[in-house]
């Protein structure tokens, strides 16, 4: 994996209220996002809000379970340029004995991703998102596919 962070996802109880908070209180503007998730372009890192129960399910758990990765309510993401790169990273993670939470698979949102956990149980997603592009330095460009709203 390249040494970079692409996205931070917070699990939230009420997506609509959380988006309103980040827009009206924090002053950020949400980018155009698929239903059920919200993205904010933070100039190089994508910040996302996702219902906690859905995040737990995506990580292979249950929101009421007392597992470490569920109670933390967030996931870190490393986006890559191709599906093959996701598979290559998971091959390496498997060979090195990493805890794989979910093998890479087609995602409901149109991409391809899987999850692993670090030694403290933090969830990491490795994802290929065909709707975003990455520049030579690995910076995510949400607007490259016309998804970002104009800046304020």
C-alpha atoms as a PDB file:
ATOM      1  CA  UNK A   1       0.000   0.000   0.000  1.00  0.00           C
ATOM      2  CA  UNK A   2       1.163   3.522  -0.720  1.00  0.00           C
ATOM      3  CA  UNK A   3       1.792   5.599   2.411  1.00  0.00           C
ATOM      4  CA  UNK A   4      -1.351   7.743   2.432  1.00  0.00           C
ATOM      5  CA  UNK A   5      -4.880   8.029   3.784  1.00  0.00           C
ATOM      6  CA  UNK A   6      -7.715   8.561   1.295  1.00  0.00           C
ATOM      7  CA  UNK A   7     -10.840   8.705   3.401  1.00  0.00           C
ATOM      8  CA  UNK A   8     -12.144   8.762   6.960  1.00  0.00           C
ATOM      9  CA  UNK A   9     -15.660   7.431   7.512  1.00  0.00           C
ATOM     10  CA  UNK A  10     -17.588   8.156  10.701  1.00  0.00           C
ATOM     11  CA  UNK A  11     -20.495   5.929  11.666  1.00  0.00           C
ATOM     12  CA  UNK A  12     -23.454   8.154  12.596  1.00  0.00           C
ATOM     13  CA  UNK A  13     -26.843   7.526  14.191  1.00  0.00           C
ATOM     14  CA  UNK A  14     -28.803   9.913  11.926  1.00  0.00           C
ATOM     15  CA  UNK A  15     -27.256  10.625   8.523  1.00  0.00           C
ATOM     16  CA  UNK A  16     -29.532  13.544   7.639  1.00  0.00           C
ATOM     17  CA  UNK A  17     -28.960  15.332  10.960  1.00  0.00           C
ATOM     18  CA  UNK A  18     -25.219  14.684  10.789  1.00  0.00           C
ATOM     19  CA  UNK A  19     -24.969  16.123   7.272  1.00  0.00           C
ATOM     20  CA  UNK A  20     -26.936  19.169   8.426  1.00  0.00           C
ATOM     21  CA  UNK A  21     -24.535  19.589  11.368  1.00  0.00           C
ATOM     22  CA  UNK A  22     -21.412  19.475   9.198  1.00  0.00           C
ATOM     23  CA  UNK A  23     -22.973  21.851   6.671  1.00  0.00           C
ATOM     24  CA  UNK A  24     -24.628  24.407   8.959  1.00  0.00           C
ATOM     25  CA  UNK A  25     -22.466  24.252  12.088  1.00  0.00           C
ATOM     26  CA  UNK A  26     -19.028  23.309  10.771  1.00  0.00           C
ATOM     27  CA  UNK A  27     -19.551  25.167   7.484  1.00  0.00           C
ATOM     28  CA  UNK A  28     -18.539  22.393   5.088  1.00  0.00           C
ATOM     29  CA  UNK A  29     -20.394  21.596   1.876  1.00  0.00           C
ATOM     30  CA  UNK A  30     -21.315  18.011   1.069  1.00  0.00           C
ATOM     31  CA  UNK A  31     -20.384  16.695  -2.368  1.00  0.00           C
ATOM     32  CA  UNK A  32     -22.922  14.911  -4.504  1.00  0.00           C
ATOM     33  CA  UNK A  33     -23.072  11.413  -3.009  1.00  0.00           C
ATOM     34  CA  UNK A  34     -24.911   8.141  -3.612  1.00  0.00           C
ATOM     35  CA  UNK A  35     -27.988   7.596  -1.420  1.00  0.00           C
ATOM     36  CA  UNK A  36     -27.262   6.500   2.136  1.00  0.00           C
ATOM     37  CA  UNK A  37     -23.811   8.086   2.521  1.00  0.00           C
ATOM     38  CA  UNK A  38     -22.410  11.614   2.520  1.00  0.00           C
ATOM     39  CA  UNK A  39     -19.021  12.729   1.194  1.00  0.00           C
ATOM     40  CA  UNK A  40     -17.151  15.951   1.910  1.00  0.00           C
ATOM     41  CA  UNK A  41     -14.097  16.840  -0.190  1.00  0.00           C
ATOM     42  CA  UNK A  42     -11.462  18.045   2.300  1.00  0.00           C
ATOM     43  CA  UNK A  43      -8.855  19.042  -0.232  1.00  0.00           C
ATOM     44  CA  UNK A  44      -7.079  15.731  -0.491  1.00  0.00           C
ATOM     45  CA  UNK A  45      -8.894  13.531   2.005  1.00  0.00           C
ATOM     46  CA  UNK A  46     -12.513  12.493   1.667  1.00  0.00           C
ATOM     47  CA  UNK A  47     -14.542  12.707   4.874  1.00  0.00           C
ATOM     48  CA  UNK A  48     -17.679  10.601   4.846  1.00  0.00           C
ATOM     49  CA  UNK A  49     -20.691   9.997   7.056  1.00  0.00           C
ATOM     50  CA  UNK A  50     -22.378   6.610   6.969  1.00  0.00           C
ATOM     51  CA  UNK A  51     -25.099   5.098   9.191  1.00  0.00           C
ATOM     52  CA  UNK A  52     -23.394   3.233  12.058  1.00  0.00           C
ATOM     53  CA  UNK A  53     -25.451   0.059  11.514  1.00  0.00           C
ATOM     54  CA  UNK A  54     -24.492   0.009   7.825  1.00  0.00           C
ATOM     55  CA  UNK A  55     -20.816   0.631   8.636  1.00  0.00           C
ATOM     56  CA  UNK A  56     -20.882  -2.211  11.138  1.00  0.00           C
ATOM     57  CA  UNK A  57     -22.519  -4.491   8.554  1.00  0.00           C
ATOM     58  CA  UNK A  58     -19.962  -3.432   5.930  1.00  0.00           C
ATOM     59  CA  UNK A  59     -17.186  -4.296   8.378  1.00  0.00           C
ATOM     60  CA  UNK A  60     -18.775  -7.701   8.956  1.00  0.00           C
ATOM     61  CA  UNK A  61     -20.248  -6.999  12.383  1.00  0.00           C
ATOM     62  CA  UNK A  62     -23.359  -5.860  14.179  1.00  0.00           C
ATOM     63  CA  UNK A  63     -23.959  -2.328  15.508  1.00  0.00           C
ATOM     64  CA  UNK A  64     -25.147  -3.708  18.856  1.00  0.00           C
ATOM     65  CA  UNK A  65     -22.213  -6.068  19.208  1.00  0.00           C
ATOM     66  CA  UNK A  66     -19.432  -4.978  21.569  1.00  0.00           C
ATOM     67  CA  UNK A  67     -16.673  -5.592  19.040  1.00  0.00           C
ATOM     68  CA  UNK A  68     -13.832  -3.082  18.943  1.00  0.00           C
ATOM     69  CA  UNK A  69     -14.323  -2.001  15.350  1.00  0.00           C
ATOM     70  CA  UNK A  70     -18.060  -1.474  15.847  1.00  0.00           C
ATOM     71  CA  UNK A  71     -17.903   0.583  19.020  1.00  0.00           C
ATOM     72  CA  UNK A  72     -15.278   2.899  17.518  1.00  0.00           C
ATOM     73  CA  UNK A  73     -17.754   3.916  14.839  1.00  0.00           C
ATOM     74  CA  UNK A  74     -15.305   4.784  12.080  1.00  0.00           C
ATOM     75  CA  UNK A  75     -13.312   3.264   9.258  1.00  0.00           C
ATOM     76  CA  UNK A  76     -10.205   4.457   7.462  1.00  0.00           C
ATOM     77  CA  UNK A  77      -9.884   4.033   3.717  1.00  0.00           C
ATOM     78  CA  UNK A  78      -7.065   3.638   1.239  1.00  0.00           C
ATOM     79  CA  UNK A  79      -8.293   4.180  -2.302  1.00  0.00           C
ATOM     80  CA  UNK A  80      -6.430   2.690  -5.239  1.00  0.00           C
ATOM     81  CA  UNK A  81      -6.530   3.077  -9.008  1.00  0.00           C
ATOM     82  CA  UNK A  82      -7.758  -0.389 -10.069  1.00  0.00           C
ATOM     83  CA  UNK A  83      -9.617  -3.456  -8.865  1.00  0.00           C
ATOM     84  CA  UNK A  84      -6.459  -5.469  -9.502  1.00  0.00           C
ATOM     85  CA  UNK A  85      -4.589  -3.261  -7.039  1.00  0.00           C
ATOM     86  CA  UNK A  86      -7.207  -4.035  -4.349  1.00  0.00           C
ATOM     87  CA  UNK A  87      -6.680  -7.752  -4.985  1.00  0.00           C
ATOM     88  CA  UNK A  88      -2.894  -7.380  -4.950  1.00  0.00           C
ATOM     89  CA  UNK A  89      -2.976  -5.598  -1.582  1.00  0.00           C
ATOM     90  CA  UNK A  90      -5.250  -8.265  -0.085  1.00  0.00           C
ATOM     91  CA  UNK A  91      -2.997 -11.022  -1.386  1.00  0.00           C
ATOM     92  CA  UNK A  92      -0.120  -9.383   0.488  1.00  0.00           C
ATOM     93  CA  UNK A  93      -2.222  -8.780   3.637  1.00  0.00           C
ATOM     94  CA  UNK A  94      -3.328 -12.436   3.646  1.00  0.00           C
ATOM     95  CA  UNK A  95       0.257 -13.638   3.157  1.00  0.00           C
ATOM     96  CA  UNK A  96       1.444 -11.467   6.053  1.00  0.00           C
ATOM     97  CA  UNK A  97      -1.258 -12.776   8.409  1.00  0.00           C
ATOM     98  CA  UNK A  98      -3.437  -9.659   8.610  1.00  0.00           C
ATOM     99  CA  UNK A  99      -6.953 -10.030  10.011  1.00  0.00           C
ATOM    100  CA  UNK A 100      -9.214  -9.863   6.986  1.00  0.00           C
ATOM    101  CA  UNK A 101     -12.707  -8.732   7.914  1.00  0.00           C
ATOM    102  CA  UNK A 102     -14.159  -8.846   4.414  1.00  0.00           C
ATOM    103  CA  UNK A 103     -12.443 -10.106   1.278  1.00  0.00           C
ATOM    104  CA  UNK A 104     -12.688  -7.733  -1.693  1.00  0.00           C
ATOM    105  CA  UNK A 105     -16.008  -7.835  -3.488  1.00  0.00           C
ATOM    106  CA  UNK A 106     -18.273  -5.756  -5.685  1.00  0.00           C
ATOM    107  CA  UNK A 107     -19.746  -2.976  -3.531  1.00  0.00           C
ATOM    108  CA  UNK A 108     -23.360  -1.807  -3.682  1.00  0.00           C
ATOM    109  CA  UNK A 109     -22.157   1.712  -4.572  1.00  0.00           C
ATOM    110  CA  UNK A 110     -20.487   0.562  -7.785  1.00  0.00           C
ATOM    111  CA  UNK A 111     -16.917   0.043  -6.650  1.00  0.00           C
ATOM    112  CA  UNK A 112     -14.837  -2.834  -5.341  1.00  0.00           C
ATOM    113  CA  UNK A 113     -13.522  -3.080  -1.787  1.00  0.00           C
ATOM    114  CA  UNK A 114     -12.576  -5.184   1.204  1.00  0.00           C
ATOM    115  CA  UNK A 115     -11.710  -4.590   4.857  1.00  0.00           C
ATOM    116  CA  UNK A 116      -8.946  -5.611   7.214  1.00  0.00           C
ATOM    117  CA  UNK A 117      -8.241  -4.752  10.838  1.00  0.00           C
ATOM    118  CA  UNK A 118      -5.047  -3.499  12.373  1.00  0.00           C
ATOM    119  CA  UNK A 119      -3.662  -4.914  15.632  1.00  0.00           C
ATOM    120  CA  UNK A 120      -5.975  -2.668  17.693  1.00  0.00           C
ATOM    121  CA  UNK A 121      -9.091  -3.597  15.750  1.00  0.00           C
ATOM    122  CA  UNK A 122      -9.344  -0.432  13.638  1.00  0.00           C
ATOM    123  CA  UNK A 123     -11.113  -1.081  10.354  1.00  0.00           C
ATOM    124  CA  UNK A 124      -9.306  -0.278   7.106  1.00  0.00           C
ATOM    125  CA  UNK A 125     -11.074  -0.369   3.764  1.00  0.00           C
ATOM    126  CA  UNK A 126      -9.047  -0.818   0.585  1.00  0.00           C
ATOM    127  CA  UNK A 127     -11.232   0.380  -2.261  1.00  0.00           C
ATOM    128  CA  UNK A 128     -11.376   1.037  -5.958  1.00  0.00           C
ATOM    129  CA  UNK A 129     -13.954   3.746  -6.709  1.00  0.00           C
ATOM    130  CA  UNK A 130     -14.591   4.122 -10.450  1.00  0.00           C
ATOM    131  CA  UNK A 131     -16.287   7.483  -9.837  1.00  0.00           C
ATOM    132  CA  UNK A 132     -13.162   9.138  -8.406  1.00  0.00           C
ATOM    133  CA  UNK A 133      -9.688   9.491  -9.780  1.00  0.00           C
ATOM    134  CA  UNK A 134      -6.316   9.528  -8.051  1.00  0.00           C
ATOM    135  CA  UNK A 135      -3.496  11.760  -9.177  1.00  0.00           C
ATOM    136  CA  UNK A 136       0.147  10.683  -9.308  1.00  0.00           C
ATOM    137  CA  UNK A 137       0.510  11.416  -5.561  1.00  0.00           C
ATOM    138  CA  UNK A 138      -2.588   9.394  -4.641  1.00  0.00           C
ATOM    139  CA  UNK A 139      -4.755  12.449  -3.913  1.00  0.00           C
ATOM    140  CA  UNK A 140      -8.432  11.714  -4.442  1.00  0.00           C
ATOM    141  CA  UNK A 141     -10.234  13.896  -6.979  1.00  0.00           C
ATOM    142  CA  UNK A 142     -13.971  13.657  -6.464  1.00  0.00           C
ATOM    143  CA  UNK A 143     -14.678  16.296  -9.097  1.00  0.00           C
ATOM    144  CA  UNK A 144     -12.870  14.340 -11.813  1.00  0.00           C
ATOM    145  CA  UNK A 145     -16.065  12.377 -12.400  1.00  0.00           C
ATOM    146  CA  UNK A 146     -18.332  15.403 -11.920  1.00  0.00           C
ATOM    147  CA  UNK A 147     -19.383  14.398  -8.412  1.00  0.00           C
ATOM    148  CA  UNK A 148     -18.180  17.386  -6.397  1.00  0.00           C
ATOM    149  CA  UNK A 149     -20.373  20.442  -5.943  1.00  0.00           C
ATOM    150  CA  UNK A 150     -18.750  23.781  -6.735  1.00  0.00           C
ATOM    151  CA  UNK A 151     -16.765  25.174  -3.803  1.00  0.00           C
ATOM    152  CA  UNK A 152     -18.055  27.988  -1.660  1.00  0.00           C
END
